[in-house]
C-alpha atoms as a PDB file:
ATOM      1  CA  MET A   1      59.117 -19.748 -36.988  1.00  0.00           C
ATOM      2  CA  THR A   2      56.102 -22.029 -37.363  1.00  0.00           C
ATOM      3  CA  THR A   3      56.562 -23.409 -33.925  1.00  0.00           C
ATOM      4  CA  HIS A   4      56.999 -19.915 -32.479  1.00  0.00           C
ATOM      5  CA  ARG A   5      54.020 -18.717 -34.235  1.00  0.00           C
ATOM      6  CA  GLN A   6      51.845 -21.734 -32.978  1.00  0.00           C
ATOM      7  CA  THR A   7      53.046 -20.887 -29.521  1.00  0.00           C
ATOM      8  CA  LEU A   8      52.133 -17.271 -29.750  1.00  0.00           C
ATOM      9  CA  GLU A   9      48.751 -18.283 -31.138  1.00  0.00           C
ATOM     10  CA  PHE A  10      48.300 -20.812 -28.471  1.00  0.00           C
ATOM     11  CA  GLY A  11      48.984 -18.248 -25.823  1.00  0.00           C
ATOM     12  CA  VAL A  12      46.487 -15.761 -27.266  1.00  0.00           C
ATOM     13  CA  VAL A  13      43.781 -18.337 -27.317  1.00  0.00           C
ATOM     14  CA  LYS A  14      44.579 -19.398 -23.925  1.00  0.00           C
ATOM     15  CA  PHE A  15      44.752 -15.661 -22.578  1.00  0.00           C
ATOM     16  CA  GLY A  16      41.221 -15.294 -24.444  1.00  0.00           C
ATOM     17  CA  ILE A  17      39.809 -18.221 -22.756  1.00  0.00           C
ATOM     18  CA  MET A  18      41.034 -17.143 -19.328  1.00  0.00           C
ATOM     19  CA  GLY A  19      39.664 -13.609 -19.947  1.00  0.00           C
ATOM     20  CA  ALA A  20      36.166 -15.128 -20.883  1.00  0.00           C
ATOM     21  CA  VAL A  21      36.131 -17.312 -17.858  1.00  0.00           C
ATOM     22  CA  LEU A  22      37.036 -14.280 -15.598  1.00  0.00           C
ATOM     23  CA  ALA A  23      34.522 -12.359 -17.229  1.00  0.00           C
ATOM     24  CA  LEU A  24      31.774 -14.923 -16.796  1.00  0.00           C
ATOM     25  CA  ALA A  25      33.050 -15.313 -13.158  1.00  0.00           C
ATOM     26  CA  LEU A  26      32.550 -11.574 -12.505  1.00  0.00           C
ATOM     27  CA  THR A  27      29.232 -11.497 -14.283  1.00  0.00           C
ATOM     28  CA  GLY A  28      27.941 -14.294 -12.199  1.00  0.00           C
ATOM     29  CA  ALA A  29      29.376 -12.736  -8.910  1.00  0.00           C
ATOM     30  CA  SER A  30      27.635  -9.430  -9.794  1.00  0.00           C
ATOM     31  CA  ALA A  31      24.308 -11.251 -10.601  1.00  0.00           C
ATOM     32  CA  VAL A  32      24.489 -12.988  -7.210  1.00  0.00           C
ATOM     33  CA  ALA A  33      25.071  -9.753  -5.498  1.00  0.00           C
ATOM     34  CA  ARG A  34      22.120  -8.074  -7.213  1.00  0.00           C
ATOM     35  CA  ALA A  35      20.026 -11.025  -6.311  1.00  0.00           C
ATOM     36  CA  GLN A  36      21.085 -10.737  -2.612  1.00  0.00           C
ATOM     37  CA  ASP A  37      20.385  -7.029  -2.620  1.00  0.00           C
ATOM     38  CA  THR A  38      16.961  -7.451  -4.174  1.00  0.00           C
ATOM     39  CA  SER A  39      16.136 -10.240  -1.651  1.00  0.00           C
ATOM     40  CA  LEU A  40      17.146  -7.865   1.225  1.00  0.00           C
ATOM     41  CA  GLU A  41      15.079  -5.220  -0.185  1.00  0.00           C
ATOM     42  CA  GLN A  42      12.071  -7.380  -0.454  1.00  0.00           C
ATOM     43  CA  ARG A  43      12.463  -8.561   3.189  1.00  0.00           C
ATOM     44  CA  ILE A  44      12.767  -5.143   4.453  1.00  0.00           C
ATOM     45  CA  LEU A  45       9.640  -4.047   2.353  1.00  0.00           C
ATOM     46  CA  GLN A  46       7.565  -6.881   3.683  1.00  0.00           C
ATOM     47  CA  SER A  47       8.721  -6.440   7.240  1.00  0.00           C
ATOM     48  CA  LEU A  48       7.769  -2.795   7.338  1.00  0.00           C
ATOM     49  CA  THR A  49       4.658  -2.827   5.569  1.00  0.00           C
ATOM     50  CA  PRO A  50       1.801  -3.033   8.350  1.00  0.00           C
ATOM     51  CA  ILE A  51      -0.666  -5.696   7.442  1.00  0.00           C
ATOM     52  CA  ALA A  52      -4.319  -5.390   8.649  1.00  0.00           C
ATOM     53  CA  LYS A  53      -5.355  -8.286  10.786  1.00  0.00           C
ATOM     54  CA  PRO A  54      -8.758  -9.913  10.011  1.00  0.00           C
ATOM     55  CA  GLY A  55     -11.601  -7.579  10.783  1.00  0.00           C
ATOM     56  CA  GLN A  56      -9.258  -4.648  11.340  1.00  0.00           C
ATOM     57  CA  LEU A  57     -10.122  -1.564   9.387  1.00  0.00           C
ATOM     58  CA  THR A  58      -7.264  -0.063   7.088  1.00  0.00           C
ATOM     59  CA  THR A  59      -8.187   3.360   8.268  1.00  0.00           C
ATOM     60  CA  ARG A  60      -9.023   4.901  11.555  1.00  0.00           C
ATOM     61  CA  SER A  61     -12.598   4.333  12.623  1.00  0.00           C
ATOM     62  CA  LEU A  62     -15.072   7.040  12.690  1.00  0.00           C
ATOM     63  CA  THR A  63     -16.324   5.874  15.955  1.00  0.00           C
ATOM     64  CA  SER A  64     -13.128   5.992  17.879  1.00  0.00           C
ATOM     65  CA  THR A  65     -13.593   7.545  21.278  1.00  0.00           C
ATOM     66  CA  PRO A  66     -11.411  10.211  22.740  1.00  0.00           C
ATOM     67  CA  ALA A  67     -10.058   7.854  25.310  1.00  0.00           C
ATOM     68  CA  ALA A  68      -8.894   5.468  22.476  1.00  0.00           C
ATOM     69  CA  GLU A  69      -7.400   8.415  20.377  1.00  0.00           C
ATOM     70  CA  ALA A  70      -5.563   9.906  23.448  1.00  0.00           C
ATOM     71  CA  PRO A  71      -2.502   7.402  23.394  1.00  0.00           C
ATOM     72  CA  ARG A  72      -2.056   7.949  19.408  1.00  0.00           C
ATOM     73  CA  ASN A  73      -2.193  11.648  19.861  1.00  0.00           C
ATOM     74  CA  GLU A  74       0.261  11.529  22.648  1.00  0.00           C
ATOM     75  CA  ASP A  75       2.636   9.350  20.511  1.00  0.00           C
ATOM     76  CA  HIS A  76       2.167  11.658  17.502  1.00  0.00           C
ATOM     77  CA  GLN A  77       3.086  14.590  19.602  1.00  0.00           C
ATOM     78  CA  PHE A  78       6.053  12.870  21.114  1.00  0.00           C
ATOM     79  CA  LEU A  79       7.291  12.069  17.538  1.00  0.00           C
ATOM     80  CA  GLU A  80       6.918  15.579  16.381  1.00  0.00           C
ATOM     81  CA  SER A  81       9.049  16.720  19.382  1.00  0.00           C
ATOM     82  CA  VAL A  82      11.940  14.595  18.545  1.00  0.00           C
ATOM     83  CA  ARG A  83      11.651  14.461  14.562  1.00  0.00           C
ATOM     84  CA  ASN A  84      14.205  17.040  14.038  1.00  0.00           C
ATOM     85  CA  LYS A  85      16.777  16.222  16.893  1.00  0.00           C
ATOM     86  CA  SER A  86      19.930  14.441  16.420  1.00  0.00           C
ATOM     87  CA  SER A  87      20.501  11.027  17.997  1.00  0.00           C
ATOM     88  CA  ARG A  88      23.110  12.538  20.334  1.00  0.00           C
ATOM     89  CA  SER A  89      20.687  15.092  21.746  1.00  0.00           C
ATOM     90  CA  LEU A  90      18.041  12.570  22.848  1.00  0.00           C
ATOM     91  CA  THR A  91      17.648  12.139  26.515  1.00  0.00           C
ATOM     92  CA  THR A  92      17.611   8.592  28.222  1.00  0.00           C
ATOM     93  CA  THR A  93      13.745   9.151  28.876  1.00  0.00           C
ATOM     94  CA  GLU A  94      13.251   9.929  25.175  1.00  0.00           C
ATOM     95  CA  ARG A  95      15.169   6.949  23.950  1.00  0.00           C
ATOM     96  CA  ASP A  96      13.098   4.653  26.200  1.00  0.00           C
ATOM     97  CA  HIS A  97       9.942   6.284  24.980  1.00  0.00           C
ATOM     98  CA  ILE A  98      10.887   5.550  21.402  1.00  0.00           C
ATOM     99  CA  ALA A  99      11.628   1.917  22.343  1.00  0.00           C
ATOM    100  CA  THR A 100       8.376   1.505  23.945  1.00  0.00           C
ATOM    101  CA  MET A 101       6.511   2.829  20.941  1.00  0.00           C
ATOM    102  CA  ALA A 102       8.617   0.660  18.601  1.00  0.00           C
ATOM    103  CA  LYS A 103       7.313  -2.535  20.051  1.00  0.00           C
ATOM    104  CA  GLU A 104       3.903  -1.935  18.547  1.00  0.00           C
ATOM    105  CA  HIS A 105       5.180  -1.032  15.051  1.00  0.00           C
ATOM    106  CA  PRO A 106       6.441  -3.130  12.078  1.00  0.00           C
ATOM    107  CA  SER A 107      10.299  -3.321  12.357  1.00  0.00           C
ATOM    108  CA  VAL A 108      13.300  -5.071  10.786  1.00  0.00           C
ATOM    109  CA  ASP A 109      17.046  -5.675  11.838  1.00  0.00           C
ATOM    110  CA  ILE A 110      19.506  -5.039   9.238  1.00  0.00           C
ATOM    111  CA  GLU A 111      23.274  -6.134   9.617  1.00  0.00           C
ATOM    112  CA  ILE A 112      25.367  -3.251   8.148  1.00  0.00           C
ATOM    113  CA  ASN A 113      29.065  -3.976   7.714  1.00  0.00           C
ATOM    114  CA  PHE A 114      30.525  -0.882   9.095  1.00  0.00           C
ATOM    115  CA  PRO A 115      34.389  -0.854   9.504  1.00  0.00           C
ATOM    116  CA  PHE A 116      35.577  -1.612  13.048  1.00  0.00           C
ATOM    117  CA  SER A 117      34.684   1.208  15.472  1.00  0.00           C
ATOM    118  CA  SER A 118      33.733   3.316  12.588  1.00  0.00           C
ATOM    119  CA  SER A 119      30.375   4.947  11.312  1.00  0.00           C
ATOM    120  CA  ASP A 120      31.539   5.352   7.763  1.00  0.00           C
ATOM    121  CA  VAL A 121      29.207   3.864   5.108  1.00  0.00           C
ATOM    122  CA  GLY A 122      32.009   2.093   3.171  1.00  0.00           C
ATOM    123  CA  PRO A 123      31.755  -0.245   0.235  1.00  0.00           C
ATOM    124  CA  ALA A 124      31.037  -3.205   2.368  1.00  0.00           C
ATOM    125  CA  ALA A 125      27.929  -1.284   3.914  1.00  0.00           C
ATOM    126  CA  VAL A 126      26.737   0.068   0.823  1.00  0.00           C
ATOM    127  CA  PRO A 127      24.560  -2.923  -0.524  1.00  0.00           C
ATOM    128  CA  ALA A 128      22.601  -3.174   2.841  1.00  0.00           C
ATOM    129  CA  VAL A 129      21.964   0.542   3.028  1.00  0.00           C
ATOM    130  CA  THR A 130      21.084   0.797  -0.656  1.00  0.00           C
ATOM    131  CA  ALA A 131      18.543  -2.029  -0.306  1.00  0.00           C
ATOM    132  CA  LEU A 132      17.094  -0.001   2.560  1.00  0.00           C
ATOM    133  CA  GLY A 133      16.820   3.141   0.581  1.00  0.00           C
ATOM    134  CA  ARG A 134      14.979   1.351  -2.232  1.00  0.00           C
ATOM    135  CA  ALA A 135      12.540  -0.236   0.208  1.00  0.00           C
ATOM    136  CA  LEU A 136      11.785   3.082   1.912  1.00  0.00           C
ATOM    137  CA  SER A 137      11.279   4.637  -1.610  1.00  0.00           C
ATOM    138  CA  SER A 138       8.671   2.089  -2.609  1.00  0.00           C
ATOM    139  CA  PRO A 139       5.099   3.263  -2.917  1.00  0.00           C
ATOM    140  CA  GLU A 140       4.099   1.092   0.072  1.00  0.00           C
ATOM    141  CA  LEU A 141       6.415   3.032   2.189  1.00  0.00           C
ATOM    142  CA  THR A 142       6.929   6.629   0.717  1.00  0.00           C
ATOM    143  CA  GLY A 143       5.865   9.291   3.047  1.00  0.00           C
ATOM    144  CA  GLY A 144       6.268   7.377   6.334  1.00  0.00           C
ATOM    145  CA  THR A 145       8.025   8.162   9.471  1.00  0.00           C
ATOM    146  CA  PHE A 146      10.800   5.748  10.374  1.00  0.00           C
ATOM    147  CA  VAL A 147      13.016   5.376  13.398  1.00  0.00           C
ATOM    148  CA  VAL A 148      16.645   4.472  12.471  1.00  0.00           C
ATOM    149  CA  ALA A 149      17.956   2.707  15.760  1.00  0.00           C
ATOM    150  CA  GLY A 150      21.690   2.015  16.138  1.00  0.00           C
ATOM    151  CA  HIS A 151      22.887  -1.010  18.139  1.00  0.00           C
ATOM    152  CA  THR A 152      26.296  -2.446  19.040  1.00  0.00           C
ATOM    153  CA  ASP A 153      27.742  -5.542  20.426  1.00  0.00           C
ATOM    154  CA  ALA A 154      29.114  -5.644  24.094  1.00  0.00           C
ATOM    155  CA  VAL A 155      32.698  -5.137  23.167  1.00  0.00           C
ATOM    156  CA  GLY A 156      33.907  -1.863  24.804  1.00  0.00           C
ATOM    157  CA  SER A 157      32.638   0.571  27.326  1.00  0.00           C
ATOM    158  CA  TYR A 158      28.922   1.628  27.660  1.00  0.00           C
ATOM    159  CA  ALA A 159      29.846   5.321  26.636  1.00  0.00           C
ATOM    160  CA  SER A 160      31.794   4.376  23.615  1.00  0.00           C
ATOM    161  CA  ASN A 161      29.159   1.998  22.238  1.00  0.00           C
ATOM    162  CA  GLN A 162      26.504   4.460  22.989  1.00  0.00           C
ATOM    163  CA  GLU A 163      28.284   7.107  20.965  1.00  0.00           C
ATOM    164  CA  LEU A 164      29.236   4.587  18.136  1.00  0.00           C
ATOM    165  CA  SER A 165      25.432   3.543  17.806  1.00  0.00           C
ATOM    166  CA  GLU A 166      24.430   7.167  17.506  1.00  0.00           C
ATOM    167  CA  ARG A 167      26.961   7.924  14.918  1.00  0.00           C
ATOM    168  CA  ARG A 168      25.943   4.989  12.837  1.00  0.00           C
ATOM    169  CA  ALA A 169      22.285   5.750  12.971  1.00  0.00           C
ATOM    170  CA  GLU A 170      23.064   9.287  11.655  1.00  0.00           C
ATOM    171  CA  SER A 171      25.451   7.903   8.991  1.00  0.00           C
ATOM    172  CA  VAL A 172      22.594   5.601   7.614  1.00  0.00           C
ATOM    173  CA  LYS A 173      20.155   8.613   7.834  1.00  0.00           C
ATOM    174  CA  ARG A 174      22.624  10.915   5.933  1.00  0.00           C
ATOM    175  CA  TYR A 175      23.122   8.295   3.231  1.00  0.00           C
ATOM    176  CA  LEU A 176      19.432   7.844   2.706  1.00  0.00           C
ATOM    177  CA  VAL A 177      18.773  11.615   2.556  1.00  0.00           C
ATOM    178  CA  THR A 178      21.693  12.222   0.116  1.00  0.00           C
ATOM    179  CA  ASN A 179      21.316   9.249  -2.202  1.00  0.00           C
ATOM    180  CA  PHE A 180      17.507   8.512  -2.061  1.00  0.00           C
ATOM    181  CA  GLN A 181      16.193  11.952  -1.387  1.00  0.00           C
ATOM    182  CA  ILE A 182      14.230  10.711   1.666  1.00  0.00           C
ATOM    183  CA  PRO A 183      13.228  13.745   3.715  1.00  0.00           C
ATOM    184  CA  ALA A 184      15.329  14.224   6.737  1.00  0.00           C
ATOM    185  CA  ALA A 185      12.240  14.962   8.934  1.00  0.00           C
ATOM    186  CA  SER A 186      10.937  11.387   7.974  1.00  0.00           C
ATOM    187  CA  LEU A 187      13.929   9.668   9.787  1.00  0.00           C
ATOM    188  CA  VAL A 188      14.207   9.723  13.510  1.00  0.00           C
ATOM    189  CA  THR A 189      17.620   8.494  14.766  1.00  0.00           C
ATOM    190  CA  VAL A 190      18.438   7.038  18.087  1.00  0.00           C
ATOM    191  CA  GLY A 191      21.348   5.051  19.468  1.00  0.00           C
ATOM    192  CA  TYR A 192      20.935   2.239  22.210  1.00  0.00           C
ATOM    193  CA  GLY A 193      24.680   1.132  22.297  1.00  0.00           C
ATOM    194  CA  LYS A 194      24.870  -2.267  23.829  1.00  0.00           C
ATOM    195  CA  THR A 195      21.624  -1.952  26.093  1.00  0.00           C
ATOM    196  CA  LYS A 196      19.458  -4.044  23.720  1.00  0.00           C
ATOM    197  CA  LEU A 197      21.331  -6.967  22.488  1.00  0.00           C
ATOM    198  CA  LYS A 198      19.533  -9.314  20.039  1.00  0.00           C
ATOM    199  CA  ASN A 199      21.526 -12.287  21.174  1.00  0.00           C
ATOM    200  CA  GLU A 200      21.880 -11.943  24.932  1.00  0.00           C
ATOM    201  CA  SER A 201      23.642 -15.285  25.035  1.00  0.00           C
ATOM    202  CA  ASN A 202      26.321 -14.284  22.993  1.00  0.00           C
ATOM    203  CA  PRO A 203      26.799 -10.491  23.699  1.00  0.00           C
ATOM    204  CA  ASN A 204      29.613 -10.217  21.214  1.00  0.00           C
ATOM    205  CA  ALA A 205      27.873 -11.937  18.253  1.00  0.00           C
ATOM    206  CA  ALA A 206      27.936 -10.098  14.889  1.00  0.00           C
ATOM    207  CA  GLU A 207      23.992 -10.062  14.912  1.00  0.00           C
ATOM    208  CA  ASN A 208      24.106  -7.505  17.769  1.00  0.00           C
ATOM    209  CA  ARG A 209      25.873  -5.028  15.391  1.00  0.00           C
ATOM    210  CA  ARG A 210      22.909  -3.924  13.588  1.00  0.00           C
ATOM    211  CA  VAL A 211      20.446  -0.991  12.685  1.00  0.00           C
ATOM    212  CA  GLN A 212      16.788  -1.501  13.307  1.00  0.00           C
ATOM    213  CA  ILE A 213      14.224   0.186  11.187  1.00  0.00           C
ATOM    214  CA  ILE A 214      10.752   0.945  12.671  1.00  0.00           C
ATOM    215  CA  ASN A 215       7.828   2.041  10.662  1.00  0.00           C
ATOM    216  CA  MET A 216       5.922   4.492  12.877  1.00  0.00           C
ATOM    217  CA  GLU A 217       2.923   4.926  10.483  1.00  0.00           C
ATOM    218  CA  GLU A 218      -0.433   3.478  11.673  1.00  0.00           C
ATOM    219  CA  LYS A 219      -2.083   2.831   8.300  1.00  0.00           C
ATOM    220  CA  ALA A 220      -2.124  -0.821   7.280  1.00  0.00           C
ATOM    221  CA  VAL A 221      -2.711  -2.629   4.010  1.00  0.00           C
ATOM    222  CA  SER A 222      -5.124  -5.440   3.550  1.00  0.00           C
ATOM    223  CA  GLN A 223      -4.130  -8.909   2.684  1.00  0.00           C
ATOM    224  CA  ASN A 224      -6.060 -10.346  -0.277  1.00  0.00           C
END
């Protein structure tokens, strides 16, 4: 009886130790995941916050000429014209215009782990999209207008990749609107399929499967 009781007690102790180790491991993994999410959130925030260059005013100059203002006004009018369009309804010309405008604005590429050939924001995709939502909800970026551009790798046809990139951009927008109450009109979605590879030397690389976020606002913050 004594030996049997000792065996049971040992088993209980062993089980308790294993449980404690498992709990610590899970806690550690959770802490690492939170740290990674925070790091991504900070990277997104820093990348999208416009920084005033030395000598650049943080507000529009009162002495701006009509000629200097014309391109800005045209871009603003164009953004207003596509603000409430779905990515699938954009023309090739409109997509190209957005890409041209985006070159002059802060942007960041985010690798979002969508399921294969799917636009669902599943468990693997949630951390990245959540970090994006938190960044866009920050005081530095709240109220801005952002382009959500979907990109794919080169696997598959032009048509299938174009459609997939559009659906993924729309899914990210829907997640941000639903979970972070970001106004739908603040997010302009567009898909580029496999036409704008990030790694042209390796067209099938994972880094090509991404969502690009572009801050279309003009105001900049000063660096101290």
